[in-house]
Amino acid sequence: MGMEEHDDLMADGSDSAERRSRGPRLFIKEMVMRNFKSYAGEQRVGPFQEDVKNEAEAYMPKELSLLKWQEKATKLAHEDTDTNMVELQANVSSLEENLKTEREKVRESNKMLKELETVHNKSCKEEFKEFERQDVKYREDLKHMKQKIKKLEDILEKDSSKAVDLEKECEDSANLIPKFEENIPKLQKLLLDEEKV
């Protein structure tokens, strides 16, 4: 089977698996590309088989060595991760214990705060009641004082009017005194006259 026949069978696509396995295997040793993609003219590539085999044989020990090193690195990383996990678990346990302790402290603080709030509220209520009692008392006292002031103002007004009246009477009396004094000799004379009779 030549190169052209194989190409025809491949392009045709009607070749069965049985027919392909009966014939000898085809190895490409060299390839010629004409005006292929960006290559202008003719480009030759090959030989393939010997170089690939030699390259694969040289590559296999390197790959095996690489795999061994990767295995060692993975083991070391695993051991390091295990060590870190143990440390992290210890840290987590310590942090959980600290968190539990802190939560207990917060609970105690909240309890104390509620008790203090209760005591403070009770004290404030009592103080407010006392304040209200004093406020009522002072308001009543103020009301009584206003009433007293009003009474005293009324009394003052009456006394003032009496004082004015008395002053007027005094003035009138003072005016009458000279008249009465003038009448005294006349009245004495009349009295003497009546006594004689």
N, C-alpha and C. Protein backbone atom coordinates (compact mmCIF):
# COMPACT_ATOMS: atom_id res chain seq x y z
N MET A 1 0.85 -1.17 0.00
CA MET A 1 0.00 0.00 0.00
C MET A 1 0.89 1.23 0.00
N GLY A 2 0.73 2.09 -1.00
CA GLY A 2 1.56 3.28 -1.13
C GLY A 2 0.97 4.45 -0.40
N MET A 3 1.71 5.54 -0.45
CA MET A 3 1.31 6.78 0.24
C MET A 3 0.04 7.33 -0.36
N GLU A 4 -0.08 7.29 -1.70
CA GLU A 4 -1.25 7.85 -2.37
C GLU A 4 -2.49 7.03 -2.04
N GLU A 5 -2.35 5.68 -2.01
CA GLU A 5 -3.50 4.83 -1.69
C GLU A 5 -4.01 5.11 -0.28
N HIS A 6 -3.08 5.25 0.64
CA HIS A 6 -3.48 5.51 2.03
C HIS A 6 -4.18 6.85 2.13
N ASP A 7 -3.67 7.85 1.43
CA ASP A 7 -4.32 9.17 1.44
C ASP A 7 -5.71 9.09 0.86
N ASP A 8 -5.88 8.30 -0.21
CA ASP A 8 -7.20 8.15 -0.82
C ASP A 8 -8.16 7.49 0.16
N LEU A 9 -7.68 6.44 0.84
CA LEU A 9 -8.54 5.75 1.81
C LEU A 9 -8.93 6.69 2.96
N MET A 10 -7.98 7.49 3.42
CA MET A 10 -8.24 8.41 4.53
C MET A 10 -9.23 9.48 4.09
N ALA A 11 -9.05 10.00 2.87
CA ALA A 11 -9.95 11.05 2.37
C ALA A 11 -11.31 10.49 2.08
N ASP A 12 -11.35 9.25 1.63
CA ASP A 12 -12.62 8.61 1.27
C ASP A 12 -13.46 8.39 2.52
N GLY A 13 -12.85 7.91 3.60
CA GLY A 13 -13.57 7.68 4.84
C GLY A 13 -14.36 6.40 4.84
N SER A 14 -14.36 5.60 3.77
CA SER A 14 -15.15 4.38 3.69
C SER A 14 -14.36 3.16 4.12
N ASP A 15 -13.10 3.36 4.52
CA ASP A 15 -12.25 2.24 4.94
C ASP A 15 -12.71 1.73 6.29
N SER A 16 -12.85 0.40 6.43
CA SER A 16 -13.31 -0.18 7.69
C SER A 16 -12.11 -0.46 8.59
N ALA A 17 -12.37 -0.71 9.88
CA ALA A 17 -11.30 -0.97 10.84
C ALA A 17 -10.59 -2.27 10.52
N GLU A 18 -11.31 -3.25 9.98
CA GLU A 18 -10.71 -4.54 9.64
C GLU A 18 -9.69 -4.38 8.52
N ARG A 19 -10.05 -3.60 7.48
CA ARG A 19 -9.16 -3.42 6.34
C ARG A 19 -7.89 -2.72 6.75
N ARG A 20 -8.01 -1.75 7.64
CA ARG A 20 -6.83 -0.99 8.05
C ARG A 20 -5.88 -1.85 8.86
N SER A 21 -6.39 -2.75 9.68
CA SER A 21 -5.51 -3.55 10.54
C SER A 21 -4.81 -4.67 9.76
N ARG A 22 -5.30 -5.04 8.59
CA ARG A 22 -4.69 -6.13 7.83
C ARG A 22 -3.38 -5.71 7.17
N GLY A 23 -3.31 -4.49 6.73
CA GLY A 23 -2.14 -4.04 5.98
C GLY A 23 -0.99 -3.62 6.88
N PRO A 24 0.17 -3.41 6.28
CA PRO A 24 1.32 -2.96 7.08
C PRO A 24 1.07 -1.53 7.60
N ARG A 25 1.70 -1.23 8.73
CA ARG A 25 1.54 0.12 9.31
C ARG A 25 2.32 1.11 8.50
N LEU A 26 1.80 2.31 8.47
CA LEU A 26 2.43 3.39 7.71
C LEU A 26 3.20 4.28 8.68
N PHE A 27 4.48 4.50 8.41
CA PHE A 27 5.30 5.42 9.20
C PHE A 27 5.70 6.57 8.32
N ILE A 28 5.47 7.77 8.83
CA ILE A 28 5.88 8.95 8.07
C ILE A 28 7.29 9.27 8.50
N LYS A 29 8.19 9.25 7.55
CA LYS A 29 9.59 9.55 7.85
C LYS A 29 9.92 10.98 7.51
N GLU A 30 9.25 11.50 6.52
CA GLU A 30 9.54 12.86 6.09
C GLU A 30 8.27 13.46 5.53
N MET A 31 8.11 14.80 5.70
CA MET A 31 6.90 15.45 5.21
C MET A 31 7.32 16.67 4.42
N VAL A 32 6.63 16.86 3.27
CA VAL A 32 6.91 18.03 2.42
C VAL A 32 5.65 18.88 2.41
N MET A 33 5.81 20.17 2.79
CA MET A 33 4.66 21.09 2.79
C MET A 33 4.89 22.11 1.70
N ARG A 34 3.89 22.22 0.78
CA ARG A 34 3.99 23.19 -0.32
C ARG A 34 2.96 24.29 -0.09
N ASN A 35 3.46 25.52 -0.08
CA ASN A 35 2.61 26.70 0.14
C ASN A 35 1.65 26.49 1.33
N PHE A 36 2.22 25.97 2.42
CA PHE A 36 1.42 25.66 3.61
C PHE A 36 1.35 26.89 4.52
N LYS A 37 0.16 27.36 4.75
CA LYS A 37 -0.11 28.54 5.59
C LYS A 37 0.81 29.67 5.20
N SER A 38 1.69 30.09 6.11
CA SER A 38 2.51 31.27 5.82
C SER A 38 3.82 30.92 5.11
N TYR A 39 4.06 29.59 4.87
CA TYR A 39 5.29 29.22 4.18
C TYR A 39 5.10 29.33 2.67
N ALA A 40 5.91 30.13 2.05
CA ALA A 40 5.85 30.22 0.58
C ALA A 40 6.84 29.19 0.02
N GLY A 41 6.43 28.51 -0.96
CA GLY A 41 7.29 27.51 -1.59
C GLY A 41 7.19 26.18 -0.90
N GLU A 42 8.32 25.48 -0.84
CA GLU A 42 8.32 24.11 -0.32
C GLU A 42 9.08 24.06 0.99
N GLN A 43 8.52 23.34 1.98
CA GLN A 43 9.14 23.19 3.29
C GLN A 43 9.23 21.70 3.59
N ARG A 44 10.43 21.21 3.96
CA ARG A 44 10.61 19.80 4.26
C ARG A 44 10.80 19.63 5.76
N VAL A 45 10.08 18.62 6.32
CA VAL A 45 10.18 18.33 7.75
C VAL A 45 10.44 16.84 7.88
N GLY A 46 11.39 16.46 8.75
CA GLY A 46 11.64 15.05 8.96
C GLY A 46 13.11 14.82 9.14
N PRO A 47 13.59 13.70 9.31
CA PRO A 47 12.91 12.44 9.59
C PRO A 47 12.35 12.44 11.01
N PHE A 48 11.25 11.72 11.20
CA PHE A 48 10.52 11.75 12.46
C PHE A 48 10.88 10.62 13.40
N GLN A 49 10.86 9.41 12.96
CA GLN A 49 10.84 8.25 13.84
C GLN A 49 12.06 8.13 14.75
N GLU A 50 13.26 8.22 14.25
CA GLU A 50 14.45 8.02 15.07
C GLU A 50 14.61 9.13 16.10
N ASP A 51 14.41 10.36 15.66
CA ASP A 51 14.56 11.49 16.59
C ASP A 51 13.52 11.42 17.70
N VAL A 52 12.30 11.08 17.34
CA VAL A 52 11.24 11.01 18.34
C VAL A 52 11.54 9.89 19.32
N LYS A 53 11.98 8.75 18.85
CA LYS A 53 12.30 7.63 19.72
C LYS A 53 13.45 7.98 20.66
N ASN A 54 14.51 8.56 20.08
CA ASN A 54 15.66 8.95 20.90
C ASN A 54 15.27 10.01 21.93
N GLU A 55 14.47 10.95 21.47
CA GLU A 55 14.01 12.03 22.36
C GLU A 55 13.15 11.46 23.49
N ALA A 56 12.26 10.50 23.16
CA ALA A 56 11.39 9.88 24.17
C ALA A 56 12.22 9.08 25.16
N GLU A 57 13.24 8.34 24.65
CA GLU A 57 14.09 7.55 25.55
C GLU A 57 14.89 8.46 26.47
N ALA A 58 15.33 9.61 25.98
CA ALA A 58 16.08 10.54 26.82
C ALA A 58 15.13 11.23 27.83
N TYR A 59 13.90 11.42 27.42
CA TYR A 59 12.93 12.15 28.26
C TYR A 59 12.42 11.30 29.42
N MET A 60 12.31 9.96 29.20
CA MET A 60 11.70 9.10 30.21
C MET A 60 12.46 9.10 31.54
N PRO A 61 13.78 9.00 31.59
CA PRO A 61 14.47 9.06 32.90
C PRO A 61 14.27 10.42 33.58
N LYS A 62 14.27 11.47 32.75
CA LYS A 62 14.06 12.81 33.32
C LYS A 62 12.66 12.91 33.93
N GLU A 63 11.68 12.37 33.21
CA GLU A 63 10.30 12.41 33.71
C GLU A 63 10.18 11.59 34.99
N LEU A 64 10.86 10.40 35.02
CA LEU A 64 10.84 9.56 36.21
C LEU A 64 11.47 10.29 37.40
N SER A 65 12.61 10.95 37.15
CA SER A 65 13.28 11.71 38.20
C SER A 65 12.38 12.85 38.69
N LEU A 66 11.74 13.52 37.73
CA LEU A 66 10.82 14.62 38.08
C LEU A 66 9.67 14.11 38.94
N LEU A 67 9.11 12.94 38.56
CA LEU A 67 8.00 12.37 39.33
C LEU A 67 8.45 12.01 40.74
N LYS A 68 9.70 11.47 40.88
CA LYS A 68 10.21 11.14 42.21
C LYS A 68 10.36 12.40 43.06
N TRP A 69 10.90 13.45 42.44
CA TRP A 69 11.06 14.72 43.18
C TRP A 69 9.69 15.31 43.56
N GLN A 70 8.75 15.19 42.63
CA GLN A 70 7.40 15.70 42.93
C GLN A 70 6.77 14.91 44.08
N GLU A 71 7.03 13.57 44.08
CA GLU A 71 6.51 12.74 45.17
C GLU A 71 7.12 13.16 46.51
N LYS A 72 8.46 13.41 46.52
CA LYS A 72 9.12 13.86 47.75
C LYS A 72 8.56 15.21 48.20
N ALA A 73 8.40 16.12 47.22
CA ALA A 73 7.86 17.45 47.56
C ALA A 73 6.45 17.33 48.11
N THR A 74 5.66 16.44 47.52
CA THR A 74 4.29 16.24 48.00
C THR A 74 4.28 15.68 49.41
N LYS A 75 5.19 14.70 49.69
CA LYS A 75 5.28 14.13 51.04
C LYS A 75 5.68 15.21 52.05
N LEU A 76 6.70 16.02 51.68
CA LEU A 76 7.13 17.09 52.59
C LEU A 76 6.00 18.10 52.82
N ALA A 77 5.30 18.45 51.73
CA ALA A 77 4.18 19.39 51.87
C ALA A 77 3.09 18.79 52.74
N HIS A 78 2.86 17.47 52.58
CA HIS A 78 1.84 16.78 53.39
C HIS A 78 2.23 16.81 54.86
N GLU A 79 3.53 16.50 55.16
CA GLU A 79 4.00 16.53 56.55
C GLU A 79 3.89 17.94 57.13
N ASP A 80 4.30 18.92 56.31
CA ASP A 80 4.21 20.32 56.76
C ASP A 80 2.76 20.72 57.02
N THR A 81 1.88 20.28 56.12
CA THR A 81 0.45 20.59 56.29
C THR A 81 -0.09 19.92 57.54
N ASP A 82 0.34 18.65 57.79
CA ASP A 82 -0.11 17.96 59.02
C ASP A 82 0.35 18.72 60.26
N THR A 83 1.62 19.16 60.25
CA THR A 83 2.15 19.93 61.39
C THR A 83 1.34 21.21 61.58
N ASN A 84 1.12 21.90 60.45
CA ASN A 84 0.33 23.15 60.52
C ASN A 84 -1.09 22.88 61.00
N MET A 85 -1.66 21.75 60.57
CA MET A 85 -3.03 21.41 60.99
C MET A 85 -3.08 21.20 62.50
N VAL A 86 -2.06 20.49 63.04
CA VAL A 86 -2.02 20.26 64.49
C VAL A 86 -1.93 21.59 65.23
N GLU A 87 -1.02 22.48 64.74
CA GLU A 87 -0.89 23.80 65.37
C GLU A 87 -2.19 24.58 65.27
N LEU A 88 -2.79 24.56 64.08
CA LEU A 88 -4.04 25.30 63.88
C LEU A 88 -5.15 24.76 64.76
N GLN A 89 -5.22 23.42 64.89
CA GLN A 89 -6.25 22.84 65.75
C GLN A 89 -6.03 23.24 67.21
N ALA A 90 -4.74 23.29 67.62
CA ALA A 90 -4.44 23.74 68.99
C ALA A 90 -4.86 25.20 69.16
N ASN A 91 -4.54 26.02 68.13
CA ASN A 91 -4.95 27.43 68.18
C ASN A 91 -6.46 27.57 68.22
N VAL A 92 -7.13 26.76 67.40
CA VAL A 92 -8.60 26.82 67.37
C VAL A 92 -9.17 26.43 68.73
N SER A 93 -8.61 25.38 69.33
CA SER A 93 -9.09 24.96 70.66
C SER A 93 -8.87 26.07 71.68
N SER A 94 -7.68 26.67 71.63
CA SER A 94 -7.38 27.77 72.56
C SER A 94 -8.33 28.95 72.33
N LEU A 95 -8.55 29.29 71.06
CA LEU A 95 -9.44 30.41 70.74
C LEU A 95 -10.88 30.10 71.15
N GLU A 96 -11.31 28.85 70.95
CA GLU A 96 -12.66 28.47 71.37
C GLU A 96 -12.81 28.58 72.89
N GLU A 97 -11.76 28.17 73.61
CA GLU A 97 -11.79 28.27 75.08
C GLU A 97 -11.84 29.74 75.50
N ASN A 98 -11.01 30.57 74.83
CA ASN A 98 -11.03 32.01 75.13
C ASN A 98 -12.39 32.61 74.82
N LEU A 99 -12.96 32.20 73.69
CA LEU A 99 -14.27 32.72 73.29
C LEU A 99 -15.33 32.33 74.32
N LYS A 100 -15.25 31.08 74.78
CA LYS A 100 -16.20 30.60 75.79
C LYS A 100 -16.06 31.43 77.08
N THR A 101 -14.80 31.66 77.49
CA THR A 101 -14.54 32.46 78.69
C THR A 101 -15.07 33.88 78.52
N GLU A 102 -14.78 34.48 77.35
CA GLU A 102 -15.24 35.85 77.09
C GLU A 102 -16.76 35.93 77.06
N ARG A 103 -17.39 34.92 76.47
CA ARG A 103 -18.86 34.92 76.43
C ARG A 103 -19.43 34.82 77.84
N GLU A 104 -18.78 34.01 78.68
CA GLU A 104 -19.23 33.89 80.07
C GLU A 104 -19.08 35.22 80.79
N LYS A 105 -17.95 35.90 80.53
CA LYS A 105 -17.74 37.23 81.13
C LYS A 105 -18.81 38.21 80.66
N VAL A 106 -19.12 38.15 79.37
CA VAL A 106 -20.15 39.05 78.82
C VAL A 106 -21.49 38.75 79.46
N ARG A 107 -21.82 37.45 79.63
CA ARG A 107 -23.07 37.07 80.29
C ARG A 107 -23.13 37.63 81.71
N GLU A 108 -22.01 37.46 82.44
CA GLU A 108 -21.95 37.97 83.82
C GLU A 108 -22.10 39.49 83.83
N SER A 109 -21.41 40.15 82.90
CA SER A 109 -21.50 41.62 82.81
C SER A 109 -22.93 42.06 82.50
N ASN A 110 -23.58 41.36 81.58
CA ASN A 110 -24.97 41.69 81.24
C ASN A 110 -25.88 41.49 82.44
N LYS A 111 -25.63 40.41 83.19
CA LYS A 111 -26.45 40.13 84.37
C LYS A 111 -26.26 41.25 85.40
N MET A 112 -24.98 41.63 85.65
CA MET A 112 -24.71 42.71 86.59
C MET A 112 -25.32 44.02 86.11
N LEU A 113 -25.22 44.26 84.81
CA LEU A 113 -25.78 45.49 84.24
C LEU A 113 -27.29 45.54 84.45
N LYS A 114 -27.96 44.41 84.23
CA LYS A 114 -29.41 44.37 84.45
C LYS A 114 -29.75 44.62 85.91
N GLU A 115 -28.97 44.02 86.82
CA GLU A 115 -29.22 44.24 88.25
C GLU A 115 -29.02 45.71 88.60
N LEU A 116 -27.92 46.29 88.09
CA LEU A 116 -27.66 47.71 88.35
C LEU A 116 -28.75 48.59 87.76
N GLU A 117 -29.20 48.24 86.55
CA GLU A 117 -30.29 49.00 85.92
C GLU A 117 -31.55 48.92 86.78
N THR A 118 -31.84 47.73 87.30
CA THR A 118 -33.03 47.56 88.15
C THR A 118 -32.92 48.44 89.39
N VAL A 119 -31.75 48.38 90.05
CA VAL A 119 -31.54 49.19 91.26
C VAL A 119 -31.63 50.68 90.92
N HIS A 120 -30.98 51.06 89.83
CA HIS A 120 -30.98 52.47 89.42
C HIS A 120 -32.39 52.94 89.07
N ASN A 121 -33.12 52.11 88.33
CA ASN A 121 -34.49 52.48 87.96
C ASN A 121 -35.37 52.63 89.20
N LYS A 122 -35.19 51.70 90.14
CA LYS A 122 -35.98 51.78 91.38
C LYS A 122 -35.64 53.06 92.13
N SER A 123 -34.34 53.35 92.23
CA SER A 123 -33.90 54.58 92.90
C SER A 123 -34.45 55.81 92.19
N CYS A 124 -34.39 55.80 90.86
CA CYS A 124 -34.91 56.93 90.08
C CYS A 124 -36.41 57.10 90.29
N LYS A 125 -37.14 55.97 90.33
CA LYS A 125 -38.59 56.05 90.55
C LYS A 125 -38.89 56.66 91.92
N GLU A 126 -38.14 56.20 92.95
CA GLU A 126 -38.35 56.73 94.29
C GLU A 126 -38.02 58.23 94.34
N GLU A 127 -36.90 58.59 93.71
CA GLU A 127 -36.53 60.01 93.67
C GLU A 127 -37.59 60.82 92.94
N PHE A 128 -38.11 60.27 91.86
CA PHE A 128 -39.13 60.98 91.10
C PHE A 128 -40.41 61.14 91.91
N LYS A 129 -40.79 60.07 92.65
CA LYS A 129 -41.98 60.17 93.50
C LYS A 129 -41.78 61.26 94.55
N GLU A 130 -40.59 61.26 95.17
CA GLU A 130 -40.29 62.29 96.17
C GLU A 130 -40.32 63.68 95.54
N PHE A 131 -39.77 63.77 94.36
CA PHE A 131 -39.79 65.05 93.63
C PHE A 131 -41.23 65.48 93.35
N GLU A 132 -42.07 64.53 92.93
CA GLU A 132 -43.48 64.86 92.66
C GLU A 132 -44.19 65.30 93.94
N ARG A 133 -43.90 64.61 95.07
CA ARG A 133 -44.50 65.01 96.35
C ARG A 133 -44.08 66.44 96.71
N GLN A 134 -42.79 66.70 96.59
CA GLN A 134 -42.31 68.05 96.89
C GLN A 134 -42.91 69.07 95.94
N ASP A 135 -43.03 68.68 94.68
CA ASP A 135 -43.62 69.59 93.69
C ASP A 135 -45.06 69.93 94.07
N VAL A 136 -45.84 68.91 94.45
CA VAL A 136 -47.24 69.14 94.86
C VAL A 136 -47.27 70.04 96.09
N LYS A 137 -46.37 69.74 97.06
CA LYS A 137 -46.32 70.54 98.30
C LYS A 137 -45.98 71.99 97.97
N TYR A 138 -44.95 72.18 97.14
CA TYR A 138 -44.54 73.54 96.80
C TYR A 138 -45.63 74.27 96.02
N ARG A 139 -46.32 73.55 95.17
CA ARG A 139 -47.42 74.18 94.43
C ARG A 139 -48.54 74.62 95.39
N GLU A 140 -48.86 73.73 96.34
CA GLU A 140 -49.88 74.09 97.34
C GLU A 140 -49.41 75.28 98.18
N ASP A 141 -48.12 75.22 98.61
CA ASP A 141 -47.57 76.35 99.38
C ASP A 141 -47.63 77.64 98.58
N LEU A 142 -47.28 77.53 97.30
CA LEU A 142 -47.33 78.71 96.44
C LEU A 142 -48.76 79.25 96.33
N LYS A 143 -49.70 78.33 96.20
CA LYS A 143 -51.12 78.73 96.11
C LYS A 143 -51.55 79.44 97.39
N HIS A 144 -51.18 78.87 98.57
CA HIS A 144 -51.51 79.49 99.85
C HIS A 144 -50.84 80.86 99.98
N MET A 145 -49.59 80.94 99.56
CA MET A 145 -48.87 82.22 99.64
C MET A 145 -49.55 83.26 98.76
N LYS A 146 -49.95 82.85 97.57
CA LYS A 146 -50.65 83.80 96.68
C LYS A 146 -51.95 84.26 97.33
N GLN A 147 -52.68 83.31 97.95
CA GLN A 147 -53.93 83.69 98.63
C GLN A 147 -53.64 84.65 99.79
N LYS A 148 -52.57 84.36 100.58
CA LYS A 148 -52.20 85.24 101.69
C LYS A 148 -51.83 86.63 101.17
N ILE A 149 -51.04 86.62 100.09
CA ILE A 149 -50.63 87.91 99.51
C ILE A 149 -51.85 88.69 99.06
N LYS A 150 -52.80 87.98 98.43
CA LYS A 150 -54.01 88.66 97.97
C LYS A 150 -54.79 89.22 99.16
N LYS A 151 -54.92 88.41 100.25
CA LYS A 151 -55.61 88.89 101.45
C LYS A 151 -54.90 90.11 102.03
N LEU A 152 -53.57 89.98 102.12
CA LEU A 152 -52.80 91.10 102.67
C LEU A 152 -52.92 92.35 101.80
N GLU A 153 -52.93 92.13 100.48
CA GLU A 153 -53.11 93.27 99.58
C GLU A 153 -54.48 93.90 99.80
N ASP A 154 -55.52 93.04 99.97
CA ASP A 154 -56.87 93.56 100.25
C ASP A 154 -56.87 94.34 101.56
N ILE A 155 -56.24 93.75 102.61
CA ILE A 155 -56.17 94.43 103.91
C ILE A 155 -55.42 95.75 103.78
N LEU A 156 -54.30 95.70 103.04
CA LEU A 156 -53.51 96.92 102.83
C LEU A 156 -54.33 97.99 102.13
N GLU A 157 -55.08 97.51 101.12
CA GLU A 157 -55.91 98.47 100.39
C GLU A 157 -56.96 99.09 101.33
N LYS A 158 -57.61 98.25 102.17
CA LYS A 158 -58.60 98.77 103.12
C LYS A 158 -57.94 99.71 104.12
N ASP A 159 -56.78 99.26 104.64
CA ASP A 159 -56.06 100.10 105.62
C ASP A 159 -55.62 101.41 104.98
N SER A 160 -55.21 101.34 103.72
CA SER A 160 -54.79 102.57 103.03
C SER A 160 -55.97 103.52 102.90
N SER A 161 -57.14 102.96 102.53
CA SER A 161 -58.32 103.82 102.40
C SER A 161 -58.71 104.38 103.78
N LYS A 162 -58.57 103.55 104.86
CA LYS A 162 -58.86 104.03 106.21
C LYS A 162 -57.88 105.14 106.59
N ALA A 163 -56.59 104.91 106.25
CA ALA A 163 -55.58 105.91 106.57
C ALA A 163 -55.89 107.22 105.86
N VAL A 164 -56.31 107.10 104.59
CA VAL A 164 -56.68 108.31 103.85
C VAL A 164 -57.86 109.00 104.54
N ASP A 165 -58.84 108.18 104.95
CA ASP A 165 -60.00 108.75 105.64
C ASP A 165 -59.58 109.42 106.95
N LEU A 166 -58.71 108.73 107.70
CA LEU A 166 -58.24 109.28 108.97
C LEU A 166 -57.45 110.57 108.75
N GLU A 167 -56.61 110.55 107.71
CA GLU A 167 -55.86 111.77 107.40
C GLU A 167 -56.82 112.91 107.09
N LYS A 168 -57.86 112.57 106.32
CA LYS A 168 -58.85 113.59 105.97
C LYS A 168 -59.55 114.10 107.25
N GLU A 169 -59.89 113.13 108.12
CA GLU A 169 -60.53 113.52 109.38
C GLU A 169 -59.59 114.40 110.21
N CYS A 170 -58.29 114.01 110.23
CA CYS A 170 -57.31 114.80 110.98
C CYS A 170 -57.22 116.21 110.42
N GLU A 171 -57.19 116.29 109.09
CA GLU A 171 -57.13 117.61 108.47
C GLU A 171 -58.38 118.41 108.83
N ASP A 172 -59.52 117.70 108.71
CA ASP A 172 -60.78 118.40 109.06
C ASP A 172 -60.75 118.85 110.53
N SER A 173 -60.25 117.94 111.38
CA SER A 173 -60.17 118.26 112.82
C SER A 173 -59.21 119.42 113.04
N ALA A 174 -58.09 119.36 112.34
CA ALA A 174 -57.11 120.44 112.48
C ALA A 174 -57.71 121.76 112.03
N ASN A 175 -58.55 121.71 111.01
CA ASN A 175 -59.20 122.93 110.52
C ASN A 175 -60.27 123.39 111.53
N LEU A 176 -60.92 122.42 112.19
CA LEU A 176 -61.98 122.78 113.14
C LEU A 176 -61.41 123.33 114.47
N ILE A 177 -60.23 122.92 114.85
CA ILE A 177 -59.64 123.34 116.13
C ILE A 177 -59.58 124.87 116.25
N PRO A 178 -59.06 125.60 115.26
CA PRO A 178 -59.03 127.06 115.43
C PRO A 178 -60.43 127.64 115.59
N LYS A 179 -61.39 127.04 114.84
CA LYS A 179 -62.77 127.56 114.95
C LYS A 179 -63.29 127.33 116.36
N PHE A 180 -63.01 126.06 116.85
CA PHE A 180 -63.48 125.76 118.21
C PHE A 180 -62.76 126.63 119.24
N GLU A 181 -61.51 126.88 118.99
CA GLU A 181 -60.76 127.73 119.92
C GLU A 181 -61.34 129.15 119.94
N GLU A 182 -61.77 129.58 118.77
CA GLU A 182 -62.40 130.91 118.71
C GLU A 182 -63.72 130.90 119.50
N ASN A 183 -64.40 129.76 119.44
CA ASN A 183 -65.71 129.66 120.11
C ASN A 183 -65.56 129.45 121.63
N ILE A 184 -64.42 129.08 122.12
CA ILE A 184 -64.23 128.80 123.55
C ILE A 184 -64.57 130.04 124.41
N PRO A 185 -64.02 131.20 124.16
CA PRO A 185 -64.35 132.33 125.03
C PRO A 185 -65.85 132.61 125.01
N LYS A 186 -66.46 132.45 123.82
CA LYS A 186 -67.89 132.74 123.72
C LYS A 186 -68.66 131.73 124.55
N LEU A 187 -68.27 130.49 124.44
CA LEU A 187 -68.97 129.44 125.16
C LEU A 187 -68.74 129.57 126.67
N GLN A 188 -67.55 129.95 127.05
CA GLN A 188 -67.28 130.16 128.48
C GLN A 188 -68.17 131.29 129.04
N LYS A 189 -68.26 132.28 128.25
CA LYS A 189 -69.09 133.41 128.66
C LYS A 189 -70.53 132.95 128.79
N LEU A 190 -71.01 132.18 127.85
CA LEU A 190 -72.38 131.67 127.89
C LEU A 190 -72.56 130.78 129.12
N LEU A 191 -71.59 129.98 129.40
CA LEU A 191 -71.66 129.10 130.54
C LEU A 191 -71.74 129.92 131.85
N LEU A 192 -70.95 130.91 131.92
CA LEU A 192 -70.98 131.76 133.10
C LEU A 192 -72.34 132.43 133.23
N ASP A 193 -72.84 132.85 132.13
CA ASP A 193 -74.15 133.50 132.13
C ASP A 193 -75.21 132.51 132.59
N GLU A 194 -75.15 131.32 132.19
CA GLU A 194 -76.16 130.32 132.55
C GLU A 194 -76.01 129.96 134.02
N GLU A 195 -74.80 129.97 134.50
CA GLU A 195 -74.59 129.64 135.90
C GLU A 195 -75.19 130.74 136.79
N LYS A 196 -75.09 131.89 136.31
CA LYS A 196 -75.66 133.00 137.08
C LYS A 196 -77.16 132.87 137.13
N VAL A 197 -77.68 132.41 136.22
CA VAL A 197 -79.14 132.34 136.16
C VAL A 197 -79.61 131.19 136.92
